Amino acid sequence: MMLYFNSIKELINTLADTKKLLSEMFAKRKSFDYKYEYAVKVLNEDKIQKLIDYGILLKNDSYLEIDEKYLDFFEKILEVNENINAAYIDEQIQTLKDNINYYLQEENEYRKQQFLRKVKSALRTTGRVIIRNIISLNRNINNTFKTEPNYKIKKIKLEKFDEKRERIMQLIQQTEKLLSQDELTFFKTASDDELNEISNNLQLDLNEARHNLIETQKQIIDYINQIEHQGRVIEQIRHVKYLKDQFELKTKTNVNQFLGHNKDIFFETRTTFPVNPALDALQEDQIYEMILQMNRSKNIAVKPEIEEAGAISEDYLQSHDSEQFFIDHETVKNQFVATRNNLFDFIVKYEFSKQIEFPERVGLFCQILSQYEDELKITNQYKNYKGVEYAIVLPK
């Protein structure tokens, strides 16, 4: 019989008390099936049994797994969920419409404010959910193209992802229509600074999402074209091999005549589609072994002659402590992209391990802008700070 938590405090304490095991299982949720014997080495059996009794963990023979509702909760909070859930976006839009309708029909001022808070919450959530679904969609598309070995299944999956892309695009259009046409009465009646800011942020998110989906569509079309090209080549090779195995290649084809008149075919550029390997695939043991074999095959058997080093100067052996401060542009850029701030304000307020003066921060702003221009959005808006005029630069 499964037990139930009596309070949120009891739930939080239980999760905190078993965080070491839950963190380990969550990190390895895609790598392999987690055995019970592994869990015993991390956490004592009484606490493991408590997690099972309360339904946080499920035991299946000698294996353990995190219950689906807790796993879904962790992935959503950490924004690492790879599922594309257009129905959830649709539900958010319907919740938004319902609460707007309740607000317009309610006469009690206190209850109207409650419905207004729910509308604001739904507006905030809708943008985040749409962006997160697009990120998951792009990740699934790339992983499918790079790791799915069956060409027919790969094409079917990509076509399914394209249907989900189209559905998300429709939901974006519905949300934009709701903001600009369907609910003008509400936004005029309930207008305040916070609602206006939330609505503007949502419109920016929707605009960004629409552009991302356009790029996603181009990527899907490109992937499908590559699959069809590879499929045609494979079918041709199979047919040629069949004829060769049946000793009919020369009689049923003009292969000799073709090769005789096209001697330069071996020097033509071959059509290739470079593909970066998926990160998940690189973590597999067999891929690691292949990398080791390739590395060993590149080793040179003849070892170069090493000249004998001369005596080391005594001055060189003297201890000279020095410290050099280095700013990692890539790290600063990545942290900026994770925010909604503009680049100049972000760098001015950024806390370095060493005191950085304002002129140096201005220089850093220019360096990051020139290095990562393709990954940043340079607007036509300008501001002035301490006599320095700068453009508003946002994450793409």
Protein backbone atom coordinates (compact mmCIF):
# COMPACT_ATOMS: atom_id res chain seq x y z
CA MET A 1 0.00 0.00 0.00
CA MET A 2 1.44 3.34 -1.04
CA LEU A 3 1.79 6.03 1.63
CA TYR A 4 0.98 9.72 1.15
CA PHE A 5 2.67 12.86 2.44
CA ASN A 6 0.71 14.81 5.04
CA SER A 7 2.29 18.18 4.29
CA ILE A 8 4.57 19.99 1.85
CA LYS A 9 7.15 20.25 4.62
CA GLU A 10 7.28 16.46 4.95
CA LEU A 11 7.73 16.10 1.18
CA ILE A 12 10.52 18.68 1.01
CA ASN A 13 12.35 17.13 3.98
CA THR A 14 12.13 13.68 2.38
CA LEU A 15 13.53 14.94 -0.92
CA ALA A 16 16.32 16.80 0.89
CA ASP A 17 17.20 13.77 3.01
CA THR A 18 17.52 11.54 -0.09
CA LYS A 19 18.89 14.15 -2.51
CA LYS A 20 22.16 12.29 -3.09
CA LEU A 21 20.45 9.22 -4.57
CA LEU A 22 17.77 11.19 -6.45
CA SER A 23 20.41 13.46 -8.01
CA GLU A 24 22.44 10.43 -9.09
CA MET A 25 19.43 8.66 -10.61
CA PHE A 26 18.19 11.80 -12.36
CA ALA A 27 21.60 12.47 -13.92
CA LYS A 28 21.79 8.86 -15.20
CA ARG A 29 18.13 8.55 -16.24
CA LYS A 30 19.09 8.20 -19.93
CA SER A 31 22.43 6.43 -19.57
CA PHE A 32 21.36 3.06 -18.15
CA ASP A 33 18.80 1.28 -15.96
CA TYR A 34 19.62 1.97 -12.32
CA LYS A 35 20.05 -1.21 -10.27
CA TYR A 36 18.93 -1.51 -6.65
CA GLU A 37 22.42 -2.64 -5.65
CA TYR A 38 23.82 0.69 -6.89
CA ALA A 39 21.30 2.61 -4.78
CA VAL A 40 22.29 0.71 -1.62
CA LYS A 41 25.85 1.96 -2.01
CA VAL A 42 24.61 5.56 -2.08
CA LEU A 43 21.77 5.48 0.49
CA ASN A 44 20.80 3.11 3.30
CA GLU A 45 18.00 0.64 2.59
CA ASP A 46 15.51 2.15 5.07
CA LYS A 47 15.51 5.47 3.24
CA ILE A 48 15.29 3.74 -0.14
CA GLN A 49 12.27 1.77 1.08
CA LYS A 50 10.68 5.02 2.29
CA LEU A 51 11.04 6.50 -1.22
CA ILE A 52 9.40 3.38 -2.65
CA ASP A 53 6.57 3.42 -0.07
CA TYR A 54 5.75 7.05 -0.85
CA GLY A 55 5.82 6.45 -4.61
CA ILE A 56 8.84 8.63 -5.38
CA LEU A 57 10.75 5.59 -6.64
CA LEU A 58 9.39 2.51 -8.41
CA LYS A 59 11.04 -0.89 -7.99
CA ASN A 60 10.92 -3.25 -10.93
CA ASP A 61 12.67 -6.55 -10.14
CA SER A 62 16.25 -5.52 -9.37
CA TYR A 63 15.93 -2.05 -10.90
CA LEU A 64 14.82 1.34 -9.59
CA GLU A 65 13.39 4.31 -11.46
CA ILE A 66 12.01 7.72 -10.52
CA ASP A 67 8.22 7.87 -10.70
CA GLU A 68 6.96 9.58 -13.85
CA LYS A 69 5.21 12.49 -12.10
CA TYR A 70 8.32 13.36 -10.07
CA LEU A 71 10.58 12.92 -13.12
CA ASP A 72 8.32 15.19 -15.17
CA PHE A 73 8.36 17.77 -12.34
CA PHE A 74 12.17 17.76 -12.11
CA GLU A 75 12.59 18.06 -15.89
CA LYS A 76 10.11 20.92 -16.18
CA ILE A 77 11.65 22.89 -13.32
CA LEU A 78 15.17 22.39 -14.69
CA GLU A 79 13.91 22.94 -18.27
CA VAL A 80 15.51 19.72 -19.57
CA ASN A 81 12.29 18.03 -20.66
CA GLU A 82 12.64 16.85 -24.27
CA ASN A 83 8.93 16.09 -24.77
CA ILE A 84 7.02 18.40 -27.11
CA ASN A 85 3.62 19.03 -25.54
CA ALA A 86 1.50 21.24 -27.78
CA ALA A 87 -1.60 20.23 -25.82
CA TYR A 88 -0.17 21.90 -22.73
CA ILE A 89 0.29 25.16 -24.67
CA ASP A 90 -3.31 24.87 -25.89
CA GLU A 91 -4.42 24.33 -22.28
CA GLN A 92 -2.55 27.47 -21.18
CA ILE A 93 -4.27 29.54 -23.88
CA GLN A 94 -7.68 28.21 -22.86
CA THR A 95 -6.94 28.98 -19.20
CA LEU A 96 -5.99 32.50 -20.25
CA LYS A 97 -9.25 32.99 -22.16
CA ASP A 98 -11.34 31.62 -19.28
CA ASN A 99 -9.83 33.91 -16.66
CA ILE A 100 -10.18 36.94 -18.94
CA ASN A 101 -13.87 36.09 -19.37
CA TYR A 102 -14.31 35.67 -15.59
CA TYR A 103 -12.65 39.03 -14.99
CA LEU A 104 -14.97 40.85 -17.40
CA GLN A 105 -18.08 39.28 -15.89
CA GLU A 106 -17.13 39.66 -12.20
CA GLU A 107 -18.40 42.73 -10.34
CA ASN A 108 -16.68 42.15 -7.00
CA GLU A 109 -13.41 44.09 -7.08
CA TYR A 110 -11.51 41.63 -4.86
CA ARG A 111 -12.46 38.64 -7.03
CA LYS A 112 -11.64 40.63 -10.18
CA GLN A 113 -8.10 41.14 -8.88
CA GLN A 114 -7.80 37.40 -8.23
CA PHE A 115 -8.75 36.65 -11.84
CA LEU A 116 -6.35 39.36 -13.03
CA ARG A 117 -3.47 37.70 -11.14
CA LYS A 118 -4.33 34.38 -12.81
CA VAL A 119 -4.33 36.06 -16.22
CA LYS A 120 -0.87 37.54 -15.57
CA SER A 121 0.42 34.17 -14.39
CA ALA A 122 -0.95 32.46 -17.53
CA LEU A 123 0.62 35.13 -19.77
CA ARG A 124 4.03 34.58 -18.12
CA THR A 125 3.75 30.80 -18.37
CA THR A 126 2.61 30.73 -22.00
CA GLY A 127 5.77 32.39 -23.34
CA ARG A 128 8.09 30.16 -21.30
CA VAL A 129 6.24 26.99 -22.31
CA ILE A 130 6.34 27.85 -26.02
CA ILE A 131 10.08 28.64 -25.95
CA ARG A 132 10.85 25.47 -23.98
CA ASN A 133 8.84 23.33 -26.42
CA ILE A 134 10.72 24.82 -29.39
CA ILE A 135 14.07 24.08 -27.72
CA SER A 136 12.96 20.48 -27.10
CA LEU A 137 11.68 20.21 -30.68
CA ASN A 138 15.02 21.33 -32.16
CA ARG A 139 16.97 19.00 -29.87
CA ASN A 140 14.80 16.01 -30.85
CA ILE A 141 15.10 16.83 -34.55
CA ASN A 142 18.92 16.96 -34.40
CA ASN A 143 19.20 13.81 -32.28
CA THR A 144 16.84 11.89 -34.58
CA PHE A 145 18.74 12.84 -37.72
CA LYS A 146 22.14 12.04 -36.19
CA THR A 147 21.35 8.84 -34.27
CA GLU A 148 18.39 7.05 -35.92
CA PRO A 149 19.96 4.33 -38.13
CA ASN A 150 16.82 3.42 -40.13
CA TYR A 151 16.25 5.91 -42.99
CA LYS A 152 12.51 5.25 -43.28
CA ILE A 153 11.91 5.63 -39.55
CA LYS A 154 14.12 8.72 -39.49
CA LYS A 155 12.04 10.37 -42.23
CA ILE A 156 8.74 9.47 -40.51
CA LYS A 157 9.97 10.92 -37.21
CA LEU A 158 11.07 14.15 -38.87
CA GLU A 159 7.70 14.49 -40.59
CA LYS A 160 5.99 14.01 -37.21
CA PHE A 161 8.20 16.73 -35.72
CA ASP A 162 7.22 18.99 -38.61
CA GLU A 163 3.56 18.44 -37.70
CA LYS A 164 4.31 19.45 -34.12
CA ARG A 165 6.17 22.50 -35.41
CA GLU A 166 3.11 23.48 -37.43
CA ARG A 167 0.87 22.98 -34.38
CA ILE A 168 3.10 25.20 -32.21
CA MET A 169 3.06 27.86 -34.96
CA GLN A 170 -0.75 27.79 -34.94
CA LEU A 171 -0.79 28.23 -31.16
CA ILE A 172 1.60 31.19 -31.46
CA GLN A 173 -0.76 32.80 -33.98
CA GLN A 174 -3.73 32.18 -31.67
CA THR A 175 -1.91 33.83 -28.77
CA GLU A 176 -0.92 36.84 -30.88
CA LYS A 177 -4.51 37.20 -32.08
CA LEU A 178 -5.76 37.02 -28.49
CA LEU A 179 -3.38 39.83 -27.46
CA SER A 180 -4.03 42.11 -30.43
CA GLN A 181 -7.64 41.42 -31.49
CA ASP A 182 -9.82 39.03 -29.49
CA GLU A 183 -9.40 40.52 -26.00
CA LEU A 184 -8.90 44.23 -26.64
CA THR A 185 -11.66 45.08 -24.15
CA PHE A 186 -9.86 43.27 -21.34
CA PHE A 187 -6.44 44.78 -22.05
CA LYS A 188 -7.96 48.28 -22.23
CA THR A 189 -10.04 47.79 -19.06
CA ALA A 190 -7.52 45.99 -16.85
CA SER A 191 -4.45 47.84 -18.14
CA ASP A 192 -1.72 48.52 -15.58
CA ASP A 193 2.07 48.77 -15.74
CA GLU A 194 2.67 45.16 -14.76
CA LEU A 195 0.14 43.76 -17.26
CA ASN A 196 1.58 45.93 -20.02
CA GLU A 197 5.12 44.73 -19.28
CA ILE A 198 4.03 41.09 -19.19
CA SER A 199 2.14 41.47 -22.48
CA ASN A 200 5.11 43.15 -24.17
CA ASN A 201 7.49 40.42 -22.97
CA LEU A 202 5.10 37.77 -24.23
CA GLN A 203 4.91 39.44 -27.64
CA LEU A 204 8.72 39.49 -27.80
CA ASP A 205 8.83 35.79 -26.88
CA LEU A 206 6.23 34.98 -29.55
CA ASN A 207 8.15 36.92 -32.18
CA GLU A 208 11.37 35.11 -31.27
CA ALA A 209 9.54 31.77 -31.25
CA ARG A 210 8.10 32.38 -34.72
CA HIS A 211 11.55 33.12 -36.18
CA ASN A 212 12.97 30.02 -34.50
CA LEU A 213 10.23 27.86 -35.99
CA ILE A 214 10.97 29.22 -39.46
CA GLU A 215 14.59 28.10 -39.03
CA THR A 216 13.34 24.77 -37.67
CA GLN A 217 11.24 24.25 -40.80
CA LYS A 218 14.28 24.94 -43.02
CA GLN A 219 16.32 22.44 -40.98
CA ILE A 220 13.66 19.73 -41.28
CA ILE A 221 13.40 20.24 -45.07
CA ASP A 222 17.19 20.05 -45.38
CA TYR A 223 17.35 16.87 -43.27
CA ILE A 224 14.56 15.19 -45.26
CA ASN A 225 16.29 16.09 -48.54
CA GLN A 226 19.51 14.53 -47.26
CA ILE A 227 17.64 11.38 -46.19
CA GLU A 228 15.95 11.06 -49.59
CA HIS A 229 19.28 11.54 -51.36
CA GLN A 230 20.96 8.91 -49.17
CA GLY A 231 17.99 6.60 -49.64
CA ARG A 232 18.17 6.83 -53.43
CA VAL A 233 21.90 6.10 -53.37
CA ILE A 234 21.39 3.06 -51.13
CA GLU A 235 18.60 1.69 -53.33
CA GLN A 236 20.79 2.06 -56.39
CA ILE A 237 23.68 0.30 -54.66
CA ARG A 238 21.39 -2.54 -53.57
CA HIS A 239 20.07 -2.97 -57.11
CA VAL A 240 23.57 -3.02 -58.58
CA LYS A 241 24.69 -5.55 -55.97
CA TYR A 242 21.67 -7.75 -56.72
CA LEU A 243 22.46 -7.75 -60.44
CA LYS A 244 26.11 -8.46 -59.68
CA ASP A 245 25.19 -11.39 -57.39
CA GLN A 246 22.96 -12.76 -60.17
CA PHE A 247 25.76 -12.33 -62.73
CA GLU A 248 23.45 -10.07 -64.75
CA LEU A 249 25.17 -6.73 -64.26
CA LYS A 250 26.83 -6.68 -67.65
CA THR A 251 23.85 -8.10 -69.56
CA LYS A 252 21.07 -6.00 -68.02
CA THR A 253 22.95 -2.73 -67.71
CA ASN A 254 25.24 -0.62 -69.85
CA VAL A 255 27.87 -0.45 -67.10
CA ASN A 256 30.81 -1.21 -69.43
CA GLN A 257 29.71 1.37 -71.99
CA PHE A 258 29.01 3.92 -69.28
CA LEU A 259 32.40 3.51 -67.62
CA GLY A 260 34.12 3.51 -70.99
CA HIS A 261 32.75 6.92 -71.91
CA ASN A 262 33.04 8.48 -68.44
CA LYS A 263 36.59 7.87 -67.35
CA ASP A 264 36.66 11.09 -65.41
CA ILE A 265 33.87 10.06 -63.06
CA PHE A 266 36.36 8.97 -60.41
CA PHE A 267 37.69 12.52 -60.17
CA GLU A 268 34.33 14.25 -59.73
CA THR A 269 33.47 15.84 -56.41
CA ARG A 270 31.29 13.55 -54.35
CA THR A 271 28.17 15.00 -52.75
CA THR A 272 28.63 14.96 -48.99
CA PHE A 273 26.63 16.23 -46.05
CA PRO A 274 28.88 16.87 -43.06
CA VAL A 275 27.12 16.04 -39.78
CA ASN A 276 28.45 16.75 -36.32
CA PRO A 277 28.09 13.71 -34.03
CA ALA A 278 25.42 13.92 -31.33
CA LEU A 279 26.73 14.49 -27.80
CA ASP A 280 24.65 11.57 -26.47
CA ALA A 281 26.28 9.22 -29.01
CA LEU A 282 29.79 10.32 -28.01
CA GLN A 283 29.08 9.15 -24.45
CA GLU A 284 28.54 5.55 -25.54
CA ASP A 285 31.32 3.06 -24.78
CA GLN A 286 31.55 1.73 -28.37
CA ILE A 287 32.11 5.25 -29.75
CA TYR A 288 34.88 5.79 -27.18
CA GLU A 289 36.54 2.54 -28.28
CA MET A 290 36.34 3.63 -31.93
CA ILE A 291 38.02 6.94 -31.07
CA LEU A 292 40.80 5.05 -29.25
CA GLN A 293 41.33 2.76 -32.26
CA MET A 294 41.53 5.72 -34.64
CA ASN A 295 44.00 7.41 -32.32
CA ARG A 296 46.18 4.29 -32.19
CA SER A 297 46.11 3.98 -35.98
CA LYS A 298 47.45 7.53 -36.30
CA ASN A 299 50.44 6.90 -34.01
CA ILE A 300 53.82 6.96 -35.76
CA ALA A 301 55.86 3.81 -35.22
CA VAL A 302 59.24 5.57 -35.57
CA LYS A 303 59.97 7.65 -32.52
CA PRO A 304 61.84 10.89 -33.20
CA GLU A 305 65.29 11.23 -31.74
CA ILE A 306 65.20 13.38 -28.62
CA GLU A 307 68.13 15.68 -28.13
CA GLU A 308 69.68 15.83 -24.70
CA ALA A 309 68.73 18.97 -22.83
CA GLY A 310 71.42 21.26 -21.54
CA ALA A 311 71.96 22.32 -17.94
CA ILE A 312 69.21 24.42 -16.37
CA SER A 313 70.23 27.92 -15.34
CA GLU A 314 70.21 28.61 -11.60
CA ASP A 315 68.28 31.84 -12.22
CA TYR A 316 65.51 29.81 -13.82
CA LEU A 317 65.24 27.65 -10.71
CA GLN A 318 64.58 30.66 -8.51
CA SER A 319 60.97 30.94 -7.37
CA HIS A 320 59.11 33.75 -9.14
CA ASP A 321 55.45 33.83 -8.20
CA SER A 322 53.23 35.66 -10.65
CA GLU A 323 49.51 35.92 -11.13
CA GLN A 324 47.74 36.72 -14.36
CA PHE A 325 44.06 37.62 -14.63
CA PHE A 326 42.21 36.30 -17.69
CA ILE A 327 38.62 36.98 -18.79
CA ASP A 328 36.96 34.05 -20.56
CA HIS A 329 34.83 35.72 -23.25
CA GLU A 330 32.96 32.50 -23.98
CA THR A 331 31.87 32.11 -20.34
CA VAL A 332 30.72 35.73 -20.09
CA LYS A 333 28.77 35.38 -23.35
CA ASN A 334 27.09 32.13 -22.26
CA GLN A 335 26.01 33.64 -18.93
CA PHE A 336 24.64 36.68 -20.75
CA VAL A 337 22.61 34.55 -23.20
CA ALA A 338 20.91 32.89 -20.22
CA THR A 339 19.57 36.28 -19.06
CA ARG A 340 17.03 38.73 -20.51
CA ASN A 341 19.29 41.74 -19.88
CA ASN A 342 21.04 43.80 -22.52
CA LEU A 343 24.76 43.13 -23.07
CA PHE A 344 26.17 46.50 -21.93
CA ASP A 345 24.24 46.56 -18.62
CA PHE A 346 25.16 42.91 -18.06
CA ILE A 347 28.91 43.57 -18.46
CA VAL A 348 28.81 46.76 -16.36
CA LYS A 349 27.18 44.86 -13.47
CA TYR A 350 29.08 41.58 -13.96
CA GLU A 351 31.04 40.50 -10.86
CA PHE A 352 34.55 39.46 -11.86
CA SER A 353 37.01 37.84 -9.47
CA LYS A 354 39.14 40.99 -9.84
CA GLN A 355 38.14 44.66 -9.88
CA ILE A 356 37.57 45.74 -13.50
CA GLU A 357 37.36 49.46 -14.25
CA PHE A 358 34.66 50.94 -16.45
CA PRO A 359 36.87 51.58 -19.55
CA GLU A 360 37.97 47.93 -19.51
CA ARG A 361 34.34 46.82 -19.30
CA VAL A 362 33.52 48.98 -22.34
CA GLY A 363 36.36 47.28 -24.20
CA LEU A 364 35.05 43.87 -23.15
CA PHE A 365 31.61 44.84 -24.50
CA CYS A 366 33.14 45.65 -27.90
CA GLN A 367 35.21 42.43 -27.94
CA ILE A 368 32.25 40.13 -27.19
CA LEU A 369 30.09 41.98 -29.71
CA SER A 370 32.69 41.50 -32.46
CA GLN A 371 33.44 37.86 -31.56
CA TYR A 372 29.86 36.61 -31.22
CA GLU A 373 27.95 38.95 -33.54
CA ASP A 374 26.06 36.06 -35.14
CA GLU A 375 24.78 34.86 -31.75
CA LEU A 376 23.55 38.27 -30.61
CA LYS A 377 20.68 40.55 -31.63
CA ILE A 378 21.81 44.13 -32.26
CA THR A 379 18.82 46.49 -32.09
CA ASN A 380 18.40 50.02 -33.45
CA GLN A 381 17.94 51.42 -29.93
CA TYR A 382 20.73 53.33 -28.17
CA LYS A 383 21.40 54.43 -24.60
CA ASN A 384 24.00 56.60 -22.88
CA TYR A 385 25.91 55.68 -19.74
CA LYS A 386 28.74 57.80 -18.23
CA GLY A 387 29.18 59.58 -21.53
CA VAL A 388 29.35 56.34 -23.54
CA GLU A 389 26.63 55.80 -26.15
CA TYR A 390 25.97 52.11 -26.85
CA ALA A 391 23.53 49.98 -28.84
CA ILE A 392 21.03 47.72 -27.07
CA VAL A 393 22.26 44.16 -27.69
CA LEU A 394 20.02 41.22 -26.70
CA PRO A 395 20.35 37.43 -26.82
CA LYS A 396 18.95 35.85 -29.99
